[in-house]
Amino acid sequence: MKHLRPLAEGLGRYLGWWLSALVRWRDPLAPMTLRRAAVLLLGMPLFLLVQLIHAVCLLLDELLFPGYRKVVIKQPLFVTGIPRSGTTFLHRTLAIDHERYTTLTTWEALLAPSIVQRKIIHALAWLDQRLGGLGQRGVNALTRRLAGGLDDIHEVGLEAAEEDYLALLPVAGCFIMLLAFPAAVGLQQLGHLDRQMPRERRQRLLAFYYSCLQRHMYVDGGQRRLLSKNAAFGSWLEGLYALCPDGRFIICVREPLAALNSQISSIDSARALFGSAVNADAFQQLFAEQFADTLEYMNETLTRWPTGRAVVVDMADLGAAPGEVIPAALEQLEVKVSERLETHLLALPKRPHRPRANSGAALVLAQSPLEQRLLPLYYQLIALPHRTRTKT
């Protein structure tokens, strides 16, 4: 079976990271505490069981629904960039046009990456509706409880448009797991995919990711345009383009120190949940390096790309005039704006950009070296002709 190797490899990597974490008591990135020990000993076996179930169901797809492999992803729209730069707002704004766009929701990405699982859940949802919807209300309440501090990253809801990289969890290809295993090199490489990931693993991950999109389009019917958003895919541009040569890209950026500070603040829940040393220099340096490498990589890549393939949207512009910036970005990509989306955009308020004085409040790293490294890359990126600007 085509994806047996990456699925087996994913389970093997999780097992290795788990066992390594259990013996790394003095890891500066995630020192052992009672809370972390409990999560590793009680939570990780359950997580591994869930991923094993996903793997079995994904392999069953190959037997029961082989037709999904014939699906061609046509002209997908990818929203990416750097974290905390408006990607979620832009993604969920575009997803309002559900007649034109299809995007993975939280429950699809986390609970049902396979066609088999979606068919089962659809059947259970149909039955639950006939019985009054008690099951759905219970699941929603459980989701809110389990999400906890992850709402700080962005609002979590089962039906919300979500980052489809969560579907890569079964193959250990989801960057969010770095919060649990910050010392895992294989997870760190996900933030530098096109530059640092070994070629063979990179190809397997990209092939599996494409199969996830195919599965989604197969169940959806294939009539709508795929809308994908992953803030962690800023370093995946060339790989995504190789998968979908007719794809279009919206690259979201933000003043990097403010974005990095916001990122560190948003993942503080990892400290309580996994015992990760979010406030330690070594931990924050991982994210600072990712920001710098991603900004540099996006500059190099976009310099080679035509303006009709990718646009750069600065968060300052997006916040100040979303009703102008979003249509302008889509027009540059030759993507039509539907009446439904246009009506929604007209109702969005304008919020003049005000730089935050405490842009380093959550950072323990020295700001001067960060500014010297990150700011030139940011200014270079927003100076590219790919940038979509407000009219005023």
Foldseek 3Di string as FASTA:
>chain_A
DQQPVLLVLLLVLLVVLLVVVVPPCPPQQFHDDPLQVCCSVPVSVVVSVQLVVQSVQQVVCCVPPVVLVVFAAAAAEEEAAAAPQCLQVLLQLVCLPVVAEDADFQCCQAPNLHLVRVVVVVVVCVVCVVVPVPVVVVVQVVQCVVCVLLCLSPNHGRGGGDANCSNVNSSNLRLVCCLQRVPRVQSLCSLQVVHPNPPVVSVSSLVVSVSSVSRRCVVVVVPHHYYHYDHSCLNVVVVVCVSHVSYAYEHGDEQVLLRLQSVLVSSVVSCVNNVTPSQDPVNSVSSLVSLLSSLVNNLVVVVPDDLLRYAYEGSQQCQQQVLQQSCQLCVSVVHDDDPSSNVVSVPDDGDHDDDDPPSNVSHPDDVVVSCVRNVVSVVSVCPDPRYGGGPD
